[in-house]
Amino acid sequence: MHYGGAPISSTTKAISNKWKILMPDAAYGPYPQPRPLVTHEIPDVVEDYHWEATNAIEAGFDGYMVVQAIAAAIGADRVGVRISPAIDHLDAMQPGASRH
């Protein structure tokens, strides 16, 4: 697990200031600047997802939703994938996508 560093992303583009993160003290603050993921870090990220999915099932969750399937860790019947190209949550809008 990797805690305490900048969030990873495919880009260094920051989330716009219209979005805020809820802080431990219940205040709202800006999202931190991300850093791009480096190729050699991918196996560690996959392992983190594996660990998190396994822990979620052991804790009693019915399933675990991820971007990349972790079926080997918890079974394909417990993996969900959500694709939302027309949602602008956290500036995740696909260029050219329409909300209608």
Protein backbone atom coordinates (compact mmCIF):
# COMPACT_ATOMS: atom_id res chain seq x y z
CA MET A 1 0.00 0.00 0.00
CA HIS A 2 1.14 3.52 -0.77
CA TYR A 3 -0.10 6.20 1.57
CA GLY A 4 0.88 9.79 2.13
CA GLY A 5 2.04 10.68 -1.37
CA ALA A 6 0.37 12.53 -4.20
CA PRO A 7 -2.60 10.73 -5.77
CA ILE A 8 -1.75 8.88 -8.96
CA SER A 9 -3.35 9.60 -12.31
CA SER A 10 -2.74 9.34 -16.02
CA THR A 11 -1.89 13.03 -16.01
CA THR A 12 -0.65 15.87 -13.84
CA LYS A 13 -3.83 17.84 -14.59
CA ALA A 14 -5.41 18.98 -11.34
CA ILE A 15 -9.12 18.70 -10.66
CA SER A 16 -10.85 22.08 -11.04
CA ASN A 17 -11.52 24.18 -7.97
CA LYS A 18 -15.28 23.57 -8.23
CA TRP A 19 -14.70 20.18 -6.54
CA LYS A 20 -13.69 19.89 -2.89
CA ILE A 21 -12.55 17.02 -0.70
CA LEU A 22 -13.96 16.40 2.78
CA MET A 23 -11.08 16.57 5.24
CA PRO A 24 -10.77 14.61 8.53
CA ASP A 25 -11.69 17.75 10.50
CA ALA A 26 -14.98 18.04 8.52
CA ALA A 27 -13.68 21.06 6.56
CA TYR A 28 -13.60 21.08 2.76
CA GLY A 29 -10.32 21.55 0.95
CA PRO A 30 -8.88 21.38 -2.57
CA TYR A 31 -7.93 18.10 -4.18
CA PRO A 32 -4.15 17.58 -4.24
CA GLN A 33 -2.16 17.77 -7.45
CA PRO A 34 -1.84 14.25 -8.93
CA ARG A 35 1.28 12.72 -10.36
CA PRO A 36 1.37 10.41 -13.38
CA LEU A 37 1.67 6.70 -12.68
CA VAL A 38 4.99 5.24 -13.82
CA THR A 39 4.89 1.95 -15.75
CA HIS A 40 6.92 0.02 -13.18
CA GLU A 41 4.33 0.97 -10.49
CA ILE A 42 1.45 -0.86 -12.23
CA PRO A 43 2.03 -4.26 -10.53
CA ASP A 44 1.93 -2.54 -7.12
CA VAL A 45 -1.36 -0.82 -7.96
CA VAL A 46 -2.87 -4.11 -9.15
CA GLU A 47 -1.75 -5.75 -5.89
CA ASP A 48 -3.33 -2.90 -3.91
CA TYR A 49 -6.66 -3.51 -5.67
CA HIS A 50 -6.35 -7.24 -5.02
CA TRP A 51 -5.70 -6.62 -1.32
CA GLU A 52 -8.56 -4.09 -1.03
CA ALA A 53 -11.06 -6.34 -2.83
CA THR A 54 -10.17 -9.34 -0.71
CA ASN A 55 -10.47 -7.31 2.51
CA ALA A 56 -13.85 -5.90 1.44
CA ILE A 57 -15.29 -9.39 0.90
CA GLU A 58 -13.79 -10.65 4.17
CA ALA A 59 -15.38 -7.66 5.94
CA GLY A 60 -18.81 -8.68 4.66
CA PHE A 61 -19.28 -6.53 1.56
CA ASP A 62 -21.45 -8.12 -1.15
CA GLY A 63 -19.06 -7.04 -3.88
CA TYR A 64 -16.40 -4.57 -4.87
CA MET A 65 -16.54 -2.11 -7.78
CA VAL A 66 -13.28 -1.32 -9.53
CA VAL A 67 -12.10 0.12 -12.81
CA GLN A 68 -9.99 -2.91 -13.68
CA ALA A 69 -11.49 -6.31 -12.87
CA ILE A 70 -10.05 -8.13 -9.89
CA ALA A 71 -11.96 -11.32 -10.64
CA ALA A 72 -9.03 -13.53 -9.72
CA ALA A 73 -9.08 -12.16 -6.18
CA ILE A 74 -12.79 -12.37 -5.33
CA GLY A 75 -14.58 -14.07 -8.24
CA ALA A 76 -16.07 -12.59 -11.40
CA ASP A 77 -19.59 -12.66 -9.95
CA ARG A 78 -18.53 -10.06 -7.36
CA VAL A 79 -16.81 -7.60 -9.69
CA GLY A 80 -18.60 -4.58 -11.15
CA VAL A 81 -17.43 -2.14 -13.79
CA ARG A 82 -19.08 1.24 -14.22
CA ILE A 83 -18.47 3.19 -17.40
CA SER A 84 -19.82 6.74 -17.34
CA PRO A 85 -18.28 8.79 -20.17
CA ALA A 86 -20.90 11.54 -19.92
CA ILE A 87 -20.55 12.33 -16.21
CA ASP A 88 -18.46 15.29 -15.19
CA HIS A 89 -17.85 14.26 -11.57
CA LEU A 90 -14.35 15.36 -10.59
CA ASP A 91 -13.79 16.60 -14.14
CA ALA A 92 -13.89 13.04 -15.52
CA MET A 93 -15.79 14.04 -18.65
CA GLN A 94 -14.76 12.32 -21.87
CA PRO A 95 -13.99 14.92 -24.55
CA GLY A 96 -16.92 15.15 -26.96
CA ALA A 97 -19.33 13.17 -24.74
CA SER A 98 -22.88 14.41 -24.29
CA ARG A 99 -25.00 14.26 -21.13
CA HIS A 100 -28.18 13.81 -23.18
